[in-house]
Amino acid sequence: MKKRVLAAVLAVAALSMVGCGNKSVVSEADETTGEVSAEASVESDAESTVIEDEETAAGAALDPNAEYVYGTATLTYAEFYSGDVSSTDSYDAVSSATAKKYELFTNMNTDFVDETTNAEGYNVLGVKNVNVAVRADQLDEYKSLNDSFVESDTEPSQFKVVNIENGKADYSATSFNVADTVTDAEVELLTGTNWGDYQINVIENSTSYLRNTREDEGFAVSADVQGIIVETKSGLKVGMEHLQSIWVQPYEISFNISADNSHNSHISYDNLTELDKLENESIVSVTFINQNDAYVYNFEEVFVKPVYRDAKVTATVDEAAGTVALTGTPADLENAAVTVTYVVGQGKEAVRTVVYDGEALDAVTLDADALKEARKDQAEEGNYTIVISSDNFANIAVEVMK
């Protein structure tokens, strides 16, 4: 059993010498010359070291007078993101409408039993294998509150601290072990995708940490990712959940908001109250959380375009003439464009062919050759999906009239 004791005197010294979060130390200087004595400089360096060490511990909410036992536990999303995001008040559970994908994520906790019991779906409840530090004198009580806890003989490099008050386990902010901070990645923001109303793609340049293939080997951040935090320029931090926002190729992050919530329909979205706040914000950072480390991506701000409220755009397809007539396109869209896609089949097996991609006019002419090729050797009739994009609003899905 691994235990650790921290000296209280060091914490007191650190807190007495700095303000909240301030790591700088002003050395003693001669009032007349302004010069710093060698003795004062040495003392200042020593004090700085103490402050750095103690602030790391204090940031993890460790009690310097207590012994700690380390281990792993299964946590709800509210517990997992406690202290790390702006609010955990709205986390509940992600509900899947199918019995699939339950095995995709090593660290995703679900109530899945088997495909018969969960034929109509299952719930994603939280995160498994989270490193935690528990006070030794609260260990038995914590085990009674969380029977998933498994003790470890080693001190983890990244963990949350558990504190029990009034029979309830509270979790500190995570003491992150940041493996790397990447500053040269690019971010692509898509709207109205199959995965969600919004989709963030983190595109790496000099690094290759994020899995972006069907294979899981060789990536620092892959299908065992425990969580993702999206941060905005204003300081808003929102924690993402598996299957609704986190995928096995974690460079793709999707989310819905209440104003639309029409994409990725096989998932019942959780935490919409917080996800709603991302609309009209500018995303500047994404943190990928593994069990023992984290990868931080900082980049130029990316604006989350707002949903166009009450937009009602319809389209009538005239296949004989090869045209599509649009009605109700908002006049205040900037650089509006329309994309018409002919889709044969469903899900991953669907074959999608773009038959028009250009200016959003009242009537557009389809690419006859592309449409002919899309229909070639297809055993079933296809359907049209139409989307209007613009610079100032999220994509608008167009209702195709029969």
Protein backbone atom coordinates (compact mmCIF):
# COMPACT_ATOMS: atom_id res chain seq x y z
CA MET A 1 0.00 0.00 0.00
CA LYS A 2 1.49 3.29 -1.06
CA LYS A 3 1.08 6.19 1.40
CA ARG A 4 2.48 9.72 1.45
CA VAL A 5 2.89 12.32 4.21
CA LEU A 6 3.46 16.00 3.39
CA ALA A 7 5.08 18.41 5.84
CA ALA A 8 2.65 21.06 7.02
CA VAL A 9 5.42 23.59 7.57
CA LEU A 10 6.21 23.71 3.84
CA ALA A 11 2.61 24.44 2.91
CA VAL A 12 2.38 27.18 5.52
CA ALA A 13 5.61 28.71 4.25
CA ALA A 14 4.38 28.65 0.66
CA LEU A 15 1.03 30.22 1.48
CA SER A 16 2.63 32.95 3.57
CA MET A 17 4.93 34.03 0.76
CA VAL A 18 2.58 34.15 -2.22
CA GLY A 19 -0.87 35.28 -3.18
CA CYS A 20 -3.42 32.85 -4.60
CA GLY A 21 -1.90 31.24 -7.69
CA ASN A 22 1.11 33.59 -7.73
CA LYS A 23 4.43 31.81 -8.14
CA SER A 24 6.69 34.87 -8.19
CA VAL A 25 8.88 35.84 -5.21
CA VAL A 26 10.27 39.33 -4.61
CA SER A 27 13.78 39.10 -3.16
CA GLU A 28 14.98 41.34 -0.36
CA ALA A 29 16.86 44.34 -1.81
CA ASP A 30 18.87 47.17 -0.34
CA GLU A 31 16.49 50.11 -0.04
CA THR A 32 19.14 52.63 -1.13
CA THR A 33 20.88 50.76 -3.98
CA GLY A 34 18.15 48.40 -5.09
CA GLU A 35 20.70 45.60 -5.23
CA VAL A 36 19.80 42.11 -4.12
CA SER A 37 22.13 40.50 -1.61
CA ALA A 38 23.60 37.09 -2.46
CA GLU A 39 22.12 35.64 0.73
CA ALA A 40 18.66 36.97 -0.11
CA SER A 41 18.95 35.65 -3.67
CA VAL A 42 19.83 32.13 -2.46
CA GLU A 43 16.98 32.22 0.01
CA SER A 44 14.62 33.40 -2.73
CA ASP A 45 15.62 30.52 -5.02
CA ALA A 46 15.04 28.04 -2.23
CA GLU A 47 11.69 29.58 -1.42
CA SER A 48 10.66 29.46 -5.08
CA THR A 49 11.38 25.73 -5.19
CA VAL A 50 9.27 25.18 -2.10
CA ILE A 51 6.43 27.24 -3.54
CA GLU A 52 6.43 25.36 -6.85
CA ASP A 53 6.36 21.97 -5.10
CA GLU A 54 3.72 22.93 -2.62
CA GLU A 55 1.43 24.61 -5.11
CA THR A 56 1.37 21.40 -7.12
CA ALA A 57 0.25 19.52 -4.04
CA ALA A 58 -2.17 22.24 -2.96
CA GLY A 59 -3.68 22.32 -6.41
CA ALA A 60 -4.55 18.66 -6.02
CA ALA A 61 -6.27 19.40 -2.68
CA LEU A 62 -3.93 17.21 -0.66
CA ASP A 63 -4.02 17.71 3.10
CA PRO A 64 -0.37 18.16 4.18
CA ASN A 65 -1.13 16.53 7.54
CA ALA A 66 -2.71 13.37 6.13
CA GLU A 67 -1.59 10.01 4.78
CA TYR A 68 -3.03 8.96 1.41
CA VAL A 69 -3.81 5.64 -0.20
CA TYR A 70 -3.78 5.55 -4.01
CA GLY A 71 -5.89 3.44 -6.32
CA THR A 72 -8.40 3.45 -9.15
CA ALA A 73 -12.17 3.92 -9.11
CA THR A 74 -15.15 4.23 -11.41
CA LEU A 75 -16.63 7.75 -11.32
CA THR A 76 -19.67 9.47 -12.75
CA TYR A 77 -18.97 12.23 -15.26
CA ALA A 78 -19.85 14.81 -12.60
CA GLU A 79 -17.25 13.29 -10.27
CA PHE A 80 -14.65 12.83 -13.01
CA TYR A 81 -14.84 16.45 -14.19
CA SER A 82 -15.27 17.93 -10.70
CA GLY A 83 -13.04 20.98 -10.30
CA ASP A 84 -11.84 20.83 -13.90
CA VAL A 85 -14.82 22.35 -15.75
CA SER A 86 -17.07 25.35 -15.25
CA SER A 87 -20.03 23.30 -14.00
CA THR A 88 -20.94 19.67 -13.36
CA ASP A 89 -24.55 20.37 -12.40
CA SER A 90 -26.12 18.98 -15.59
CA TYR A 91 -24.37 15.64 -16.03
CA ASP A 92 -26.64 12.61 -15.98
CA ALA A 93 -26.07 9.79 -18.47
CA VAL A 94 -25.69 9.37 -22.21
CA SER A 95 -28.43 7.08 -23.55
CA SER A 96 -27.75 4.94 -26.60
CA ALA A 97 -30.69 3.75 -28.67
CA THR A 98 -28.79 0.64 -29.79
CA ALA A 99 -26.86 -2.19 -28.13
CA LYS A 100 -23.75 -1.39 -30.15
CA LYS A 101 -20.42 0.31 -29.40
CA TYR A 102 -20.46 -0.53 -25.69
CA GLU A 103 -17.05 -2.19 -26.04
CA LEU A 104 -15.35 0.60 -27.99
CA PHE A 105 -13.87 2.53 -25.08
CA THR A 106 -11.73 0.77 -22.46
CA ASN A 107 -12.49 3.40 -19.81
CA MET A 108 -16.18 4.04 -20.56
CA ASN A 109 -18.53 2.80 -17.83
CA THR A 110 -21.97 1.60 -18.94
CA ASP A 111 -24.90 -0.42 -17.60
CA PHE A 112 -24.63 -2.82 -20.55
CA VAL A 113 -25.25 -6.47 -19.59
CA ASP A 114 -25.79 -8.29 -22.89
CA GLU A 115 -27.49 -7.71 -26.22
CA THR A 116 -30.69 -9.35 -25.04
CA THR A 117 -31.01 -7.40 -21.80
CA ASN A 118 -29.98 -4.18 -23.53
CA ALA A 119 -31.67 -4.81 -26.86
CA GLU A 120 -33.21 -1.32 -26.77
CA GLY A 121 -30.02 0.39 -25.69
CA TYR A 122 -27.94 1.17 -22.63
CA ASN A 123 -26.63 4.13 -20.65
CA VAL A 124 -23.10 5.53 -20.53
CA LEU A 125 -22.64 6.34 -16.85
CA GLY A 126 -19.12 7.65 -16.46
CA VAL A 127 -15.43 6.78 -16.46
CA LYS A 128 -13.55 3.69 -15.27
CA ASN A 129 -9.99 3.33 -13.95
CA VAL A 130 -9.66 6.89 -12.66
CA ASN A 131 -6.65 7.41 -10.38
CA VAL A 132 -7.68 8.73 -6.96
CA ALA A 133 -5.98 9.52 -3.65
CA VAL A 134 -7.93 8.70 -0.52
CA ARG A 135 -7.06 9.72 3.03
CA ALA A 136 -6.01 6.61 4.94
CA ASP A 137 -8.37 7.42 7.80
CA GLN A 138 -11.30 7.60 5.33
CA LEU A 139 -10.39 4.52 3.31
CA ASP A 140 -12.96 2.12 4.77
CA GLU A 141 -15.74 4.68 4.45
CA TYR A 142 -14.79 5.41 0.85
CA LYS A 143 -14.82 1.71 -0.01
CA SER A 144 -18.34 1.50 1.38
CA LEU A 145 -19.38 4.45 -0.80
CA ASN A 146 -17.56 3.32 -3.96
CA ASP A 147 -17.06 -0.43 -4.17
CA SER A 148 -15.15 -0.09 -7.46
CA PHE A 149 -12.07 1.25 -5.64
CA VAL A 150 -8.95 -0.91 -6.10
CA GLU A 151 -5.82 -0.04 -4.14
CA SER A 152 -2.49 0.46 -5.88
CA ASP A 153 1.07 0.03 -4.55
CA THR A 154 2.39 2.95 -6.58
CA GLU A 155 1.69 6.65 -6.60
CA PRO A 156 0.13 7.66 -9.95
CA SER A 157 1.44 10.59 -11.95
CA GLN A 158 -2.09 12.00 -12.34
CA PHE A 159 -4.99 11.73 -9.90
CA LYS A 160 -7.97 13.26 -8.15
CA VAL A 161 -8.18 13.58 -4.35
CA VAL A 162 -11.19 12.19 -2.48
CA ASN A 163 -12.53 13.90 0.62
CA ILE A 164 -15.51 12.48 2.52
CA GLU A 165 -17.84 14.83 4.33
CA ASN A 166 -21.24 13.96 5.80
CA GLY A 167 -21.18 10.55 4.18
CA LYS A 168 -20.53 11.91 0.67
CA ALA A 169 -17.38 11.60 -1.44
CA ASP A 170 -16.20 14.86 -2.99
CA TYR A 171 -13.51 14.94 -5.66
CA SER A 172 -10.87 17.62 -6.20
CA ALA A 173 -9.67 19.08 -9.45
CA THR A 174 -7.33 16.69 -11.25
CA SER A 175 -3.62 16.95 -10.57
CA PHE A 176 -2.76 16.75 -14.27
CA ASN A 177 0.43 15.24 -15.61
CA VAL A 178 0.67 17.18 -18.88
CA ALA A 179 2.72 15.07 -21.27
CA ASP A 180 2.82 17.80 -23.93
CA THR A 181 1.29 21.15 -24.83
CA VAL A 182 0.83 21.44 -28.59
CA THR A 183 0.64 24.90 -30.13
CA ASP A 184 0.88 24.26 -33.87
CA ALA A 185 -2.26 22.18 -34.42
CA GLU A 186 -5.11 23.48 -36.54
CA VAL A 187 -8.80 23.27 -35.76
CA GLU A 188 -11.63 22.68 -38.20
CA LEU A 189 -15.18 23.45 -37.06
CA LEU A 190 -17.99 21.74 -38.96
CA THR A 191 -21.70 22.21 -38.39
CA GLY A 192 -24.65 19.93 -39.06
CA THR A 193 -22.59 16.73 -39.37
CA ASN A 194 -23.79 13.16 -38.84
CA TRP A 195 -21.95 13.15 -35.47
CA GLY A 196 -23.52 16.31 -34.09
CA ASP A 197 -24.78 19.84 -34.60
CA TYR A 198 -21.12 20.86 -34.26
CA GLN A 199 -17.93 18.92 -34.85
CA ILE A 200 -14.41 20.02 -33.91
CA ASN A 201 -11.54 18.35 -35.75
CA VAL A 202 -8.10 18.82 -34.21
CA ILE A 203 -5.60 18.51 -37.06
CA GLU A 204 -2.01 17.89 -35.97
CA ASN A 205 1.04 19.14 -37.86
CA SER A 206 4.33 18.39 -36.05
CA THR A 207 2.80 15.84 -33.66
CA SER A 208 0.76 12.64 -34.05
CA TYR A 209 -0.68 11.94 -30.61
CA LEU A 210 -4.36 11.74 -31.56
CA ARG A 211 -5.70 8.58 -33.16
CA ASN A 212 -7.06 9.39 -36.62
CA THR A 213 -7.23 5.93 -38.18
CA ARG A 214 -9.18 2.72 -37.67
CA GLU A 215 -6.20 1.21 -35.86
CA ASP A 216 -5.56 1.95 -32.18
CA GLU A 217 -1.85 1.21 -32.01
CA GLY A 218 0.84 3.86 -31.80
CA PHE A 219 -1.25 6.81 -30.58
CA ALA A 220 -0.85 8.47 -27.20
CA VAL A 221 -4.54 9.41 -27.21
CA SER A 222 -6.77 6.61 -28.48
CA ALA A 223 -9.84 4.57 -27.56
CA ASP A 224 -8.83 4.45 -23.88
CA VAL A 225 -9.21 8.23 -23.52
CA GLN A 226 -11.04 9.06 -20.29
CA GLY A 227 -12.26 12.56 -21.07
CA ILE A 228 -11.92 15.75 -23.10
CA ILE A 229 -12.22 19.36 -21.91
CA VAL A 230 -13.05 22.12 -24.39
CA GLU A 231 -12.09 25.62 -23.24
CA THR A 232 -13.14 28.98 -24.71
CA LYS A 233 -11.55 32.43 -24.81
CA SER A 234 -13.90 33.62 -22.06
CA GLY A 235 -12.71 30.84 -19.72
CA LEU A 236 -15.69 28.51 -20.12
CA LYS A 237 -14.66 24.85 -19.73
CA VAL A 238 -16.98 22.02 -20.78
CA GLY A 239 -16.28 18.31 -20.25
CA MET A 240 -17.24 15.93 -23.04
CA GLU A 241 -18.77 12.44 -22.74
CA HIS A 242 -18.20 9.18 -24.60
CA LEU A 243 -20.32 8.31 -27.63
CA GLN A 244 -22.01 11.73 -27.79
CA SER A 245 -18.85 13.83 -28.07
CA ILE A 246 -15.84 11.51 -27.65
CA TRP A 247 -15.08 8.97 -30.37
CA VAL A 248 -12.52 6.23 -30.99
CA GLN A 249 -10.78 8.66 -33.31
CA PRO A 250 -10.58 11.34 -30.60
CA TYR A 251 -9.36 14.10 -32.88
CA GLU A 252 -13.08 14.36 -33.76
CA ILE A 253 -15.19 16.00 -31.04
CA SER A 254 -18.91 16.56 -31.58
CA PHE A 255 -21.70 18.15 -29.60
CA ASN A 256 -25.32 19.19 -29.91
CA ILE A 257 -27.14 22.17 -28.44
CA SER A 258 -30.78 22.57 -27.42
CA ALA A 259 -31.59 24.99 -30.25
CA ASP A 260 -30.99 22.24 -32.81
CA ASN A 261 -30.17 18.82 -31.26
CA SER A 262 -31.18 17.10 -34.49
CA HIS A 263 -27.92 15.38 -35.44
CA ASN A 264 -26.51 12.10 -34.10
CA SER A 265 -30.11 11.10 -33.37
CA HIS A 266 -29.27 7.59 -32.07
CA ILE A 267 -27.90 9.25 -28.91
CA SER A 268 -29.95 11.07 -26.28
CA TYR A 269 -27.70 14.01 -25.50
CA ASP A 270 -26.67 14.74 -21.92
CA ASN A 271 -25.36 17.97 -20.37
CA LEU A 272 -27.07 20.19 -22.96
CA THR A 273 -27.19 23.04 -20.44
CA GLU A 274 -23.41 23.34 -20.58
CA LEU A 275 -23.05 22.45 -24.25
CA ASP A 276 -25.49 25.28 -25.05
CA LYS A 277 -22.99 27.76 -23.60
CA LEU A 278 -20.46 26.94 -26.33
CA GLU A 279 -22.65 28.63 -28.93
CA ASN A 280 -21.25 32.08 -29.83
CA GLU A 281 -18.04 31.29 -27.93
CA SER A 282 -14.51 31.05 -29.35
CA ILE A 283 -12.71 27.78 -28.63
CA VAL A 284 -9.01 28.20 -27.83
CA SER A 285 -7.96 24.96 -26.14
CA VAL A 286 -8.73 21.25 -25.96
CA THR A 287 -7.36 18.91 -23.27
CA PHE A 288 -7.35 15.15 -23.85
CA ILE A 289 -7.31 13.19 -20.58
CA ASN A 290 -5.80 9.72 -20.27
CA GLN A 291 -5.52 7.73 -17.06
CA ASN A 292 -1.94 8.80 -16.32
CA ASP A 293 -1.37 11.89 -18.42
CA ALA A 294 -2.99 14.65 -20.45
CA TYR A 295 -2.31 16.34 -23.79
CA VAL A 296 -3.18 20.02 -24.17
CA TYR A 297 -3.81 21.69 -27.53
CA ASN A 298 -3.80 25.49 -27.71
CA PHE A 299 -4.66 27.23 -30.97
CA GLU A 300 -6.06 30.33 -32.62
CA GLU A 301 -9.63 30.95 -31.54
CA VAL A 302 -12.37 29.21 -33.49
CA PHE A 303 -15.81 30.81 -33.35
CA VAL A 304 -18.80 28.53 -32.72
CA LYS A 305 -21.36 29.90 -35.15
CA PRO A 306 -24.88 30.30 -33.73
CA VAL A 307 -27.86 28.25 -34.84
CA TYR A 308 -30.32 30.21 -36.98
CA ARG A 309 -33.45 30.18 -34.84
CA ASP A 310 -36.79 29.48 -36.52
CA ALA A 311 -35.29 28.93 -39.96
CA LYS A 312 -37.66 26.91 -42.14
CA VAL A 313 -36.12 26.14 -45.52
CA THR A 314 -37.76 23.66 -47.88
CA ALA A 315 -36.69 22.17 -51.19
CA THR A 316 -38.54 20.58 -54.07
CA VAL A 317 -36.57 18.24 -56.31
CA ASP A 318 -37.57 18.02 -59.96
CA GLU A 319 -35.69 14.96 -61.14
CA ALA A 320 -36.95 15.22 -64.69
CA ALA A 321 -35.57 18.75 -65.02
CA GLY A 322 -32.57 18.03 -62.82
CA THR A 323 -33.23 21.02 -60.57
CA VAL A 324 -33.91 21.82 -56.91
CA ALA A 325 -36.09 24.79 -55.92
CA LEU A 326 -35.37 26.35 -52.50
CA THR A 327 -37.90 28.27 -50.44
CA GLY A 328 -37.37 30.23 -47.24
CA THR A 329 -33.60 30.76 -47.36
CA PRO A 330 -32.84 33.56 -44.81
CA ALA A 331 -31.75 36.79 -46.45
CA ASP A 332 -29.12 37.67 -43.82
CA LEU A 333 -26.83 34.68 -44.44
CA GLU A 334 -23.32 35.78 -45.41
CA ASN A 335 -21.76 33.96 -48.38
CA ALA A 336 -24.56 31.40 -48.35
CA ALA A 337 -23.93 28.14 -50.18
CA VAL A 338 -25.98 25.01 -50.66
CA THR A 339 -24.83 21.40 -50.85
CA VAL A 340 -27.10 18.73 -52.32
CA THR A 341 -26.12 15.11 -51.65
CA TYR A 342 -27.67 11.98 -53.11
CA VAL A 343 -27.58 9.19 -50.52
CA VAL A 344 -28.12 5.49 -51.20
CA GLY A 345 -28.31 3.21 -48.17
CA GLN A 346 -28.03 3.98 -44.47
CA GLY A 347 -25.38 4.43 -41.80
CA LYS A 348 -21.74 3.62 -42.53
CA GLU A 349 -22.72 1.58 -45.57
CA ALA A 350 -24.44 4.54 -47.24
CA VAL A 351 -23.00 5.84 -50.51
CA ARG A 352 -23.06 9.64 -50.64
CA THR A 353 -22.59 11.62 -53.85
CA VAL A 354 -22.51 15.42 -53.95
CA VAL A 355 -24.62 16.48 -56.93
CA TYR A 356 -24.52 20.24 -56.30
CA ASP A 357 -22.21 22.43 -54.24
CA GLY A 358 -22.36 26.14 -54.89
CA GLU A 359 -24.23 29.39 -54.45
CA ALA A 360 -27.56 29.23 -52.64
CA LEU A 361 -30.01 30.30 -55.35
CA ASP A 362 -33.77 30.02 -55.50
CA ALA A 363 -33.25 27.16 -57.98
CA VAL A 364 -30.08 25.16 -58.58
CA THR A 365 -29.17 22.69 -61.32
CA LEU A 366 -27.88 19.28 -60.33
CA ASP A 367 -24.81 17.62 -61.80
CA ALA A 368 -26.46 15.15 -64.18
CA ASP A 369 -23.32 13.05 -64.69
CA ALA A 370 -22.66 12.71 -60.96
CA LEU A 371 -26.29 11.78 -60.32
CA LYS A 372 -26.22 9.18 -63.10
CA GLU A 373 -23.05 7.64 -61.67
CA ALA A 374 -24.57 7.59 -58.16
CA ARG A 375 -27.57 5.66 -59.41
CA LYS A 376 -25.51 3.21 -61.42
CA ASP A 377 -25.74 -0.38 -60.17
CA GLN A 378 -27.72 0.71 -57.10
CA ALA A 379 -30.43 -1.73 -56.09
CA GLU A 380 -32.44 0.83 -54.11
CA GLU A 381 -33.68 4.36 -54.64
CA GLY A 382 -31.69 7.09 -52.95
CA ASN A 383 -32.69 10.19 -50.99
CA TYR A 384 -31.54 13.79 -51.11
CA THR A 385 -30.01 15.65 -48.18
CA ILE A 386 -29.60 19.39 -48.55
CA VAL A 387 -27.66 21.77 -46.31
CA ILE A 388 -27.20 25.55 -46.46
CA SER A 389 -23.92 26.88 -45.04
CA SER A 390 -22.80 30.43 -44.36
CA ASP A 391 -20.07 32.46 -42.69
CA ASN A 392 -22.23 33.74 -39.84
CA PHE A 393 -24.56 30.86 -38.92
CA ALA A 394 -24.33 27.12 -38.35
CA ASN A 395 -25.48 24.91 -41.21
CA ILE A 396 -29.21 24.86 -41.86
CA ALA A 397 -30.76 21.51 -42.72
CA VAL A 398 -33.26 21.80 -45.55
CA GLU A 399 -36.49 19.81 -45.50
CA VAL A 400 -36.91 17.96 -48.79
CA MET A 401 -40.55 17.95 -49.85
CA LYS A 402 -41.94 14.72 -51.24
